Amino acid sequence: MIGKLRNMTAIYLFKGDRVLLLFRQGGRVVNNVWTGSAGGHFEEFELNDAKACILREMNEELGLCEKDVQNLSHRYVTLRMTNGEIRQNYYFFANLIDSINDELISNEGKSKWFSIKEITELEMPYTAKYVIEHYCSVGQFTDKLYVGVTNEKGVDFIELPEF
């Protein structure tokens, strides 16, 4: 039985009808593809708090803090078995407040703003690609939390209701 877990998080920042993506370079796991605006691995003290992880990553990579965004929401969790480990990804979405300059520079690669219509054609990590496709067709019109499990053909998403 494989017992290794890799917990990661990502955030997609929007300003108007544009979304900030990062062409990640030099990463240990994700490299030379477009990813969320910021993200990374959980620190040990964050294992039960995905929001704390994404706020730390957002600050480290973009110099932003929670007051710089609005409508921060956790929208997707995905599970993928790859390279002998279970990868759990937690995806957040938020709007950059108007008073924040959108010329954001990341220390993890090249940041660039795209229209939401453009992003489904970009090369992205496996689960991120399917999260973005689902978000563009379904998720942006709801406030639901979705869980996705990978397979050879893509990712199967279901709503995760609270009860």
N, C-alpha and C. Protein backbone atom coordinates (compact mmCIF):
# COMPACT_ATOMS: atom_id res chain seq x y z
N MET A 1 0.84 -1.19 0.00
CA MET A 1 0.00 0.00 0.00
C MET A 1 0.88 1.25 0.00
N ILE A 2 0.50 2.21 -0.79
CA ILE A 2 1.23 3.47 -0.86
C ILE A 2 0.68 4.41 0.21
N GLY A 3 1.56 4.99 0.99
CA GLY A 3 1.11 5.85 2.07
C GLY A 3 1.57 7.28 1.96
N LYS A 4 2.33 7.60 0.91
CA LYS A 4 2.88 8.95 0.78
C LYS A 4 1.81 9.91 0.25
N LEU A 5 1.69 11.06 0.91
CA LEU A 5 0.75 12.10 0.52
C LEU A 5 1.50 13.37 0.17
N ARG A 6 1.00 14.08 -0.81
CA ARG A 6 1.54 15.41 -1.14
C ARG A 6 0.35 16.36 -1.16
N ASN A 7 0.33 17.32 -0.23
CA ASN A 7 -0.74 18.30 -0.12
C ASN A 7 -0.27 19.62 -0.70
N MET A 8 -1.05 20.12 -1.67
CA MET A 8 -0.69 21.38 -2.34
C MET A 8 -1.92 22.26 -2.47
N THR A 9 -1.68 23.53 -2.66
CA THR A 9 -2.77 24.48 -2.82
C THR A 9 -2.43 25.47 -3.93
N ALA A 10 -3.47 26.07 -4.50
CA ALA A 10 -3.29 27.07 -5.55
C ALA A 10 -4.44 28.06 -5.46
N ILE A 11 -4.17 29.29 -5.89
CA ILE A 11 -5.21 30.31 -5.94
C ILE A 11 -5.22 30.94 -7.32
N TYR A 12 -6.42 31.22 -7.80
CA TYR A 12 -6.62 31.94 -9.06
C TYR A 12 -7.18 33.30 -8.72
N LEU A 13 -6.40 34.34 -9.02
CA LEU A 13 -6.79 35.72 -8.73
C LEU A 13 -7.39 36.36 -9.98
N PHE A 14 -8.52 37.00 -9.79
CA PHE A 14 -9.22 37.67 -10.88
C PHE A 14 -9.23 39.17 -10.64
N LYS A 15 -9.21 39.92 -11.72
CA LYS A 15 -9.43 41.36 -11.70
C LYS A 15 -10.26 41.67 -12.93
N GLY A 16 -11.52 42.03 -12.71
CA GLY A 16 -12.44 42.20 -13.82
C GLY A 16 -12.65 40.86 -14.50
N ASP A 17 -12.49 40.84 -15.82
CA ASP A 17 -12.68 39.60 -16.58
C ASP A 17 -11.35 38.89 -16.88
N ARG A 18 -10.31 39.24 -16.14
CA ARG A 18 -8.99 38.64 -16.35
C ARG A 18 -8.58 37.81 -15.13
N VAL A 19 -7.75 36.80 -15.39
CA VAL A 19 -7.23 35.94 -14.32
C VAL A 19 -5.70 35.93 -14.43
N LEU A 20 -5.05 36.01 -13.28
CA LEU A 20 -3.59 36.00 -13.23
C LEU A 20 -3.11 34.56 -13.14
N LEU A 21 -2.23 34.19 -14.06
CA LEU A 21 -1.60 32.87 -14.03
C LEU A 21 -0.10 33.02 -13.93
N LEU A 22 0.54 31.95 -13.52
CA LEU A 22 1.98 31.93 -13.34
C LEU A 22 2.57 30.85 -14.22
N PHE A 23 3.56 31.21 -15.03
CA PHE A 23 4.34 30.21 -15.75
C PHE A 23 5.45 29.80 -14.78
N ARG A 24 5.20 28.70 -14.09
CA ARG A 24 6.08 28.26 -13.00
C ARG A 24 7.37 27.69 -13.56
N GLN A 25 8.48 28.21 -13.01
CA GLN A 25 9.80 27.77 -13.44
C GLN A 25 10.63 27.40 -12.22
N GLY A 26 11.32 26.29 -12.31
CA GLY A 26 12.22 25.88 -11.23
C GLY A 26 11.54 25.16 -10.08
N GLY A 27 10.28 24.73 -10.26
CA GLY A 27 9.57 24.04 -9.19
C GLY A 27 10.00 22.60 -9.04
N ARG A 28 9.83 22.05 -7.85
CA ARG A 28 10.19 20.65 -7.58
C ARG A 28 9.22 19.67 -8.23
N VAL A 29 7.93 20.01 -8.24
CA VAL A 29 6.90 19.11 -8.74
C VAL A 29 6.27 19.65 -10.01
N VAL A 30 6.00 20.94 -10.05
CA VAL A 30 5.34 21.58 -11.19
C VAL A 30 6.33 22.54 -11.81
N ASN A 31 6.59 22.36 -13.12
CA ASN A 31 7.62 23.15 -13.77
C ASN A 31 7.28 23.36 -15.24
N ASN A 32 7.51 24.60 -15.72
CA ASN A 32 7.33 24.96 -17.13
C ASN A 32 5.92 24.75 -17.65
N VAL A 33 4.92 25.06 -16.82
CA VAL A 33 3.51 25.05 -17.20
C VAL A 33 2.84 26.24 -16.52
N TRP A 34 1.65 26.58 -16.99
CA TRP A 34 0.86 27.66 -16.38
C TRP A 34 0.10 27.09 -15.18
N THR A 35 0.19 27.79 -14.06
CA THR A 35 -0.50 27.37 -12.84
C THR A 35 -1.30 28.55 -12.30
N GLY A 36 -1.91 28.34 -11.14
CA GLY A 36 -2.62 29.42 -10.48
C GLY A 36 -1.69 30.58 -10.18
N SER A 37 -2.26 31.66 -9.72
CA SER A 37 -1.50 32.88 -9.44
C SER A 37 -0.40 32.66 -8.41
N ALA A 38 -0.67 31.80 -7.44
CA ALA A 38 0.30 31.44 -6.40
C ALA A 38 -0.11 30.08 -5.85
N GLY A 39 0.82 29.42 -5.18
CA GLY A 39 0.48 28.14 -4.57
C GLY A 39 1.71 27.34 -4.25
N GLY A 40 1.49 26.20 -3.61
CA GLY A 40 2.60 25.35 -3.27
C GLY A 40 2.23 24.31 -2.23
N HIS A 41 3.26 23.77 -1.61
CA HIS A 41 3.10 22.70 -0.63
C HIS A 41 2.73 23.23 0.75
N PHE A 42 1.96 22.43 1.46
CA PHE A 42 1.61 22.73 2.84
C PHE A 42 2.84 22.60 3.72
N GLU A 43 2.98 23.49 4.67
CA GLU A 43 3.94 23.33 5.74
C GLU A 43 3.28 22.44 6.80
N GLU A 44 4.09 21.81 7.62
CA GLU A 44 3.55 20.87 8.61
C GLU A 44 2.47 21.49 9.49
N PHE A 45 2.63 22.74 9.89
CA PHE A 45 1.67 23.40 10.77
C PHE A 45 0.39 23.81 10.04
N GLU A 46 0.32 23.63 8.71
CA GLU A 46 -0.85 24.01 7.92
C GLU A 46 -1.68 22.81 7.47
N LEU A 47 -1.31 21.61 7.84
CA LEU A 47 -1.94 20.41 7.28
C LEU A 47 -3.44 20.36 7.48
N ASN A 48 -3.97 21.02 8.47
CA ASN A 48 -5.42 21.05 8.69
C ASN A 48 -6.01 22.42 8.36
N ASP A 49 -5.30 23.23 7.59
CA ASP A 49 -5.77 24.58 7.29
C ASP A 49 -5.30 25.03 5.91
N ALA A 50 -6.05 24.62 4.87
CA ALA A 50 -5.67 24.97 3.50
C ALA A 50 -5.67 26.48 3.28
N LYS A 51 -6.56 27.21 3.95
CA LYS A 51 -6.60 28.67 3.80
C LYS A 51 -5.32 29.29 4.32
N ALA A 52 -4.81 28.83 5.44
CA ALA A 52 -3.55 29.36 5.97
C ALA A 52 -2.42 29.12 4.98
N CYS A 53 -2.42 27.96 4.33
CA CYS A 53 -1.39 27.65 3.35
C CYS A 53 -1.47 28.60 2.16
N ILE A 54 -2.66 28.82 1.62
CA ILE A 54 -2.74 29.66 0.43
C ILE A 54 -2.44 31.11 0.77
N LEU A 55 -2.80 31.57 1.95
CA LEU A 55 -2.47 32.95 2.34
C LEU A 55 -0.95 33.12 2.48
N ARG A 56 -0.28 32.11 3.04
CA ARG A 56 1.17 32.18 3.16
C ARG A 56 1.82 32.17 1.78
N GLU A 57 1.39 31.27 0.91
CA GLU A 57 1.95 31.19 -0.43
C GLU A 57 1.71 32.48 -1.22
N MET A 58 0.53 33.05 -1.10
CA MET A 58 0.19 34.30 -1.78
C MET A 58 1.11 35.43 -1.32
N ASN A 59 1.40 35.45 -0.03
CA ASN A 59 2.29 36.47 0.52
C ASN A 59 3.73 36.25 0.08
N GLU A 60 4.20 35.00 0.17
CA GLU A 60 5.57 34.69 -0.22
C GLU A 60 5.83 34.93 -1.71
N GLU A 61 4.87 34.55 -2.55
CA GLU A 61 5.10 34.58 -3.99
C GLU A 61 4.71 35.89 -4.66
N LEU A 62 3.70 36.59 -4.10
CA LEU A 62 3.20 37.81 -4.75
C LEU A 62 3.22 39.04 -3.85
N GLY A 63 3.56 38.85 -2.57
CA GLY A 63 3.57 39.98 -1.64
C GLY A 63 2.18 40.45 -1.26
N LEU A 64 1.17 39.58 -1.42
CA LEU A 64 -0.22 39.94 -1.11
C LEU A 64 -0.65 39.31 0.20
N CYS A 65 -1.59 39.97 0.88
CA CYS A 65 -2.17 39.41 2.09
C CYS A 65 -3.69 39.35 1.93
N GLU A 66 -4.36 38.82 2.92
CA GLU A 66 -5.80 38.58 2.82
C GLU A 66 -6.59 39.85 2.54
N LYS A 67 -6.16 40.97 3.07
CA LYS A 67 -6.90 42.23 2.85
C LYS A 67 -6.78 42.73 1.41
N ASP A 68 -5.87 42.16 0.62
CA ASP A 68 -5.68 42.57 -0.76
C ASP A 68 -6.64 41.87 -1.72
N VAL A 69 -7.42 40.91 -1.20
CA VAL A 69 -8.36 40.17 -2.03
C VAL A 69 -9.75 40.21 -1.41
N GLN A 70 -10.74 39.94 -2.23
CA GLN A 70 -12.10 39.81 -1.72
C GLN A 70 -12.72 38.55 -2.32
N ASN A 71 -13.76 38.06 -1.64
CA ASN A 71 -14.47 36.85 -2.08
C ASN A 71 -13.55 35.63 -2.16
N LEU A 72 -12.61 35.54 -1.25
CA LEU A 72 -11.73 34.37 -1.19
C LEU A 72 -12.58 33.14 -0.89
N SER A 73 -12.50 32.14 -1.78
CA SER A 73 -13.31 30.95 -1.55
C SER A 73 -12.56 29.69 -1.98
N HIS A 74 -12.73 28.67 -1.17
CA HIS A 74 -12.17 27.35 -1.46
C HIS A 74 -13.21 26.64 -2.31
N ARG A 75 -12.86 26.27 -3.55
CA ARG A 75 -13.86 25.78 -4.49
C ARG A 75 -13.64 24.36 -4.98
N TYR A 76 -12.40 23.86 -4.93
CA TYR A 76 -12.12 22.52 -5.46
C TYR A 76 -11.10 21.81 -4.60
N VAL A 77 -11.28 20.48 -4.50
CA VAL A 77 -10.28 19.57 -3.94
C VAL A 77 -10.14 18.46 -4.96
N THR A 78 -8.91 18.13 -5.34
CA THR A 78 -8.71 17.02 -6.27
C THR A 78 -7.77 16.00 -5.67
N LEU A 79 -7.95 14.76 -6.11
CA LEU A 79 -7.10 13.64 -5.68
C LEU A 79 -6.54 12.97 -6.93
N ARG A 80 -5.23 12.72 -6.90
CA ARG A 80 -4.57 12.04 -8.02
C ARG A 80 -3.47 11.14 -7.47
N MET A 81 -3.41 9.92 -8.00
CA MET A 81 -2.33 9.01 -7.65
C MET A 81 -1.30 9.11 -8.76
N THR A 82 -0.07 9.53 -8.43
CA THR A 82 0.98 9.64 -9.43
C THR A 82 2.34 9.55 -8.75
N ASN A 83 3.28 8.96 -9.44
CA ASN A 83 4.65 8.82 -8.94
C ASN A 83 4.71 8.25 -7.53
N GLY A 84 3.84 7.28 -7.25
CA GLY A 84 3.87 6.60 -5.96
C GLY A 84 3.33 7.40 -4.80
N GLU A 85 2.55 8.44 -5.08
CA GLU A 85 1.99 9.23 -3.99
C GLU A 85 0.59 9.70 -4.35
N ILE A 86 -0.18 9.99 -3.32
CA ILE A 86 -1.51 10.58 -3.51
C ILE A 86 -1.35 12.09 -3.39
N ARG A 87 -1.70 12.79 -4.45
CA ARG A 87 -1.62 14.26 -4.45
C ARG A 87 -3.00 14.83 -4.20
N GLN A 88 -3.07 15.63 -3.15
CA GLN A 88 -4.30 16.33 -2.80
C GLN A 88 -4.08 17.81 -3.10
N ASN A 89 -4.91 18.35 -3.96
CA ASN A 89 -4.80 19.76 -4.34
C ASN A 89 -6.03 20.52 -3.89
N TYR A 90 -5.81 21.67 -3.28
CA TYR A 90 -6.88 22.54 -2.79
C TYR A 90 -6.83 23.82 -3.60
N TYR A 91 -7.93 24.11 -4.32
CA TYR A 91 -7.97 25.25 -5.23
C TYR A 91 -8.87 26.35 -4.68
N PHE A 92 -8.31 27.56 -4.64
CA PHE A 92 -9.02 28.75 -4.17
C PHE A 92 -9.18 29.73 -5.32
N PHE A 93 -10.18 30.59 -5.19
CA PHE A 93 -10.44 31.66 -6.15
C PHE A 93 -10.72 32.92 -5.36
N ALA A 94 -10.30 34.08 -5.89
CA ALA A 94 -10.53 35.36 -5.23
C ALA A 94 -10.42 36.48 -6.25
N ASN A 95 -10.92 37.64 -5.86
CA ASN A 95 -10.79 38.85 -6.68
C ASN A 95 -9.77 39.76 -6.04
N LEU A 96 -8.84 40.26 -6.85
CA LEU A 96 -7.88 41.26 -6.39
C LEU A 96 -8.64 42.56 -6.23
N ILE A 97 -8.49 43.24 -5.10
CA ILE A 97 -9.24 44.49 -4.92
C ILE A 97 -8.72 45.55 -5.89
N ASP A 98 -9.60 46.46 -6.25
CA ASP A 98 -9.29 47.45 -7.29
C ASP A 98 -8.09 48.32 -6.96
N SER A 99 -7.87 48.61 -5.69
CA SER A 99 -6.78 49.52 -5.32
C SER A 99 -5.39 48.88 -5.42
N ILE A 100 -5.33 47.56 -5.63
CA ILE A 100 -4.03 46.87 -5.75
C ILE A 100 -3.59 46.91 -7.20
N ASN A 101 -2.36 47.36 -7.41
CA ASN A 101 -1.78 47.41 -8.74
C ASN A 101 -1.72 45.99 -9.31
N ASP A 102 -2.18 45.82 -10.53
CA ASP A 102 -2.20 44.47 -11.10
C ASP A 102 -0.90 44.08 -11.78
N GLU A 103 0.14 44.88 -11.63
CA GLU A 103 1.47 44.52 -12.16
C GLU A 103 2.21 43.68 -11.11
N LEU A 104 1.69 42.50 -10.86
CA LEU A 104 2.24 41.64 -9.82
C LEU A 104 3.40 40.81 -10.38
N ILE A 105 4.44 40.71 -9.58
CA ILE A 105 5.63 39.96 -9.96
C ILE A 105 5.79 38.81 -8.98
N SER A 106 5.99 37.62 -9.52
CA SER A 106 6.18 36.43 -8.69
C SER A 106 7.64 36.04 -8.65
N ASN A 107 8.06 35.49 -7.52
CA ASN A 107 9.42 34.97 -7.41
C ASN A 107 9.50 33.51 -7.83
N GLU A 108 8.40 32.97 -8.39
CA GLU A 108 8.35 31.56 -8.80
C GLU A 108 8.31 31.38 -10.32
N GLY A 109 8.27 32.49 -11.06
CA GLY A 109 8.19 32.41 -12.51
C GLY A 109 7.61 33.68 -13.08
N LYS A 110 7.00 33.59 -14.26
CA LYS A 110 6.47 34.75 -14.97
C LYS A 110 4.95 34.84 -14.77
N SER A 111 4.47 35.96 -14.22
CA SER A 111 3.05 36.19 -14.05
C SER A 111 2.48 36.91 -15.27
N LYS A 112 1.27 36.51 -15.66
CA LYS A 112 0.63 37.14 -16.81
C LYS A 112 -0.89 37.07 -16.65
N TRP A 113 -1.57 38.15 -17.04
CA TRP A 113 -3.02 38.21 -17.00
C TRP A 113 -3.58 37.66 -18.32
N PHE A 114 -4.66 36.87 -18.21
CA PHE A 114 -5.34 36.29 -19.37
C PHE A 114 -6.84 36.54 -19.23
N SER A 115 -7.53 36.56 -20.37
CA SER A 115 -8.99 36.53 -20.30
C SER A 115 -9.37 35.09 -19.95
N ILE A 116 -10.50 34.92 -19.30
CA ILE A 116 -10.91 33.58 -18.88
C ILE A 116 -11.12 32.67 -20.08
N LYS A 117 -11.46 33.24 -21.22
CA LYS A 117 -11.66 32.44 -22.44
C LYS A 117 -10.36 31.84 -22.95
N GLU A 118 -9.23 32.47 -22.66
CA GLU A 118 -7.93 32.00 -23.16
C GLU A 118 -7.34 30.85 -22.35
N ILE A 119 -7.68 30.75 -21.09
CA ILE A 119 -6.91 29.90 -20.19
C ILE A 119 -7.13 28.40 -20.40
N THR A 120 -8.25 28.00 -20.97
CA THR A 120 -8.47 26.56 -21.15
C THR A 120 -7.55 25.96 -22.21
N GLU A 121 -6.90 26.80 -23.01
CA GLU A 121 -6.01 26.31 -24.05
C GLU A 121 -4.55 26.23 -23.61
N LEU A 122 -4.24 26.68 -22.40
CA LEU A 122 -2.86 26.71 -21.93
C LEU A 122 -2.42 25.35 -21.38
N GLU A 123 -1.13 25.09 -21.44
CA GLU A 123 -0.58 23.88 -20.84
C GLU A 123 -0.52 24.07 -19.33
N MET A 124 -1.18 23.15 -18.61
CA MET A 124 -1.28 23.24 -17.15
C MET A 124 -1.04 21.86 -16.54
N PRO A 125 -0.79 21.82 -15.23
CA PRO A 125 -0.72 20.52 -14.55
C PRO A 125 -2.05 19.77 -14.74
N TYR A 126 -2.00 18.46 -14.66
CA TYR A 126 -3.14 17.60 -14.99
C TYR A 126 -4.44 18.03 -14.30
N THR A 127 -4.46 18.05 -12.97
CA THR A 127 -5.73 18.37 -12.31
C THR A 127 -6.11 19.84 -12.49
N ALA A 128 -5.13 20.72 -12.54
CA ALA A 128 -5.43 22.15 -12.71
C ALA A 128 -6.17 22.40 -14.02
N LYS A 129 -5.77 21.73 -15.07
CA LYS A 129 -6.42 21.88 -16.38
C LYS A 129 -7.91 21.55 -16.28
N TYR A 130 -8.24 20.45 -15.61
CA TYR A 130 -9.63 20.05 -15.48
C TYR A 130 -10.40 20.93 -14.51
N VAL A 131 -9.74 21.41 -13.47
CA VAL A 131 -10.39 22.35 -12.56
C VAL A 131 -10.78 23.62 -13.32
N ILE A 132 -9.86 24.15 -14.11
CA ILE A 132 -10.14 25.37 -14.87
C ILE A 132 -11.27 25.14 -15.88
N GLU A 133 -11.24 24.01 -16.57
CA GLU A 133 -12.32 23.72 -17.52
C GLU A 133 -13.67 23.64 -16.81
N HIS A 134 -13.70 22.96 -15.65
CA HIS A 134 -14.94 22.85 -14.88
C HIS A 134 -15.37 24.22 -14.36
N TYR A 135 -14.41 24.98 -13.87
CA TYR A 135 -14.72 26.32 -13.36
C TYR A 135 -15.32 27.19 -14.47
N CYS A 136 -14.74 27.16 -15.65
CA CYS A 136 -15.23 27.99 -16.76
C CYS A 136 -16.63 27.60 -17.20
N SER A 137 -16.95 26.30 -17.15
CA SER A 137 -18.26 25.86 -17.62
C SER A 137 -19.32 25.77 -16.53
N VAL A 138 -18.91 25.55 -15.27
CA VAL A 138 -19.86 25.34 -14.18
C VAL A 138 -19.55 26.20 -12.96
N GLY A 139 -18.34 26.05 -12.45
CA GLY A 139 -17.97 26.61 -11.15
C GLY A 139 -18.11 28.10 -11.00
N GLN A 140 -17.85 28.87 -12.05
CA GLN A 140 -17.93 30.32 -11.92
C GLN A 140 -19.36 30.80 -11.70
N PHE A 141 -20.33 29.95 -11.96
CA PHE A 141 -21.73 30.32 -11.83
C PHE A 141 -22.35 29.84 -10.53
N THR A 142 -21.54 29.22 -9.66
CA THR A 142 -22.04 28.70 -8.38
C THR A 142 -21.10 29.13 -7.26
N ASP A 143 -21.46 28.78 -6.04
CA ASP A 143 -20.56 28.97 -4.91
C ASP A 143 -20.28 27.63 -4.23
N LYS A 144 -20.45 26.55 -4.97
CA LYS A 144 -20.31 25.19 -4.45
C LYS A 144 -18.84 24.79 -4.31
N LEU A 145 -18.61 23.82 -3.45
CA LEU A 145 -17.30 23.17 -3.32
C LEU A 145 -17.39 21.85 -4.08
N TYR A 146 -16.42 21.61 -4.96
CA TYR A 146 -16.40 20.40 -5.77
C TYR A 146 -15.19 19.56 -5.42
N VAL A 147 -15.37 18.23 -5.51
CA VAL A 147 -14.29 17.29 -5.31
C VAL A 147 -14.10 16.56 -6.63
N GLY A 148 -12.83 16.43 -7.03
CA GLY A 148 -12.52 15.74 -8.27
C GLY A 148 -11.55 14.61 -8.04
N VAL A 149 -11.84 13.47 -8.65
CA VAL A 149 -10.96 12.31 -8.60
C VAL A 149 -10.49 12.03 -10.02
N THR A 150 -9.19 11.86 -10.16
CA THR A 150 -8.61 11.69 -11.50
C THR A 150 -8.77 10.26 -12.00
N ASN A 151 -8.73 10.17 -13.32
CA ASN A 151 -8.66 8.89 -14.01
C ASN A 151 -7.92 9.13 -15.32
N GLU A 152 -7.76 8.09 -16.13
CA GLU A 152 -6.99 8.23 -17.37
C GLU A 152 -7.63 9.18 -18.36
N LYS A 153 -8.94 9.42 -18.22
CA LYS A 153 -9.67 10.24 -19.18
C LYS A 153 -9.90 11.67 -18.69
N GLY A 154 -9.53 11.98 -17.46
CA GLY A 154 -9.75 13.32 -16.93
C GLY A 154 -10.01 13.31 -15.44
N VAL A 155 -10.93 14.15 -15.01
CA VAL A 155 -11.29 14.26 -13.60
C VAL A 155 -12.80 14.22 -13.49
N ASP A 156 -13.30 13.38 -12.60
CA ASP A 156 -14.74 13.31 -12.33
C ASP A 156 -15.03 14.21 -11.13
N PHE A 157 -15.88 15.22 -11.33
CA PHE A 157 -16.23 16.17 -10.28
C PHE A 157 -17.62 15.88 -9.73
N ILE A 158 -17.75 16.02 -8.42
CA ILE A 158 -19.06 16.00 -7.78
C ILE A 158 -19.10 17.14 -6.78
N GLU A 159 -20.28 17.64 -6.52
CA GLU A 159 -20.47 18.67 -5.49
C GLU A 159 -20.28 18.02 -4.13
N LEU A 160 -19.63 18.70 -3.22
CA LEU A 160 -19.45 18.20 -1.86
C LEU A 160 -20.41 18.96 -0.95
N PRO A 161 -21.56 18.38 -0.69
CA PRO A 161 -22.54 19.08 0.17
C PRO A 161 -22.16 18.97 1.64
N GLU A 162 -22.60 19.94 2.39
CA GLU A 162 -22.40 19.88 3.85
C GLU A 162 -23.68 19.35 4.47
N PHE A 163 -23.55 18.35 5.32
CA PHE A 163 -24.72 17.82 6.02
C PHE A 163 -24.32 17.22 7.34
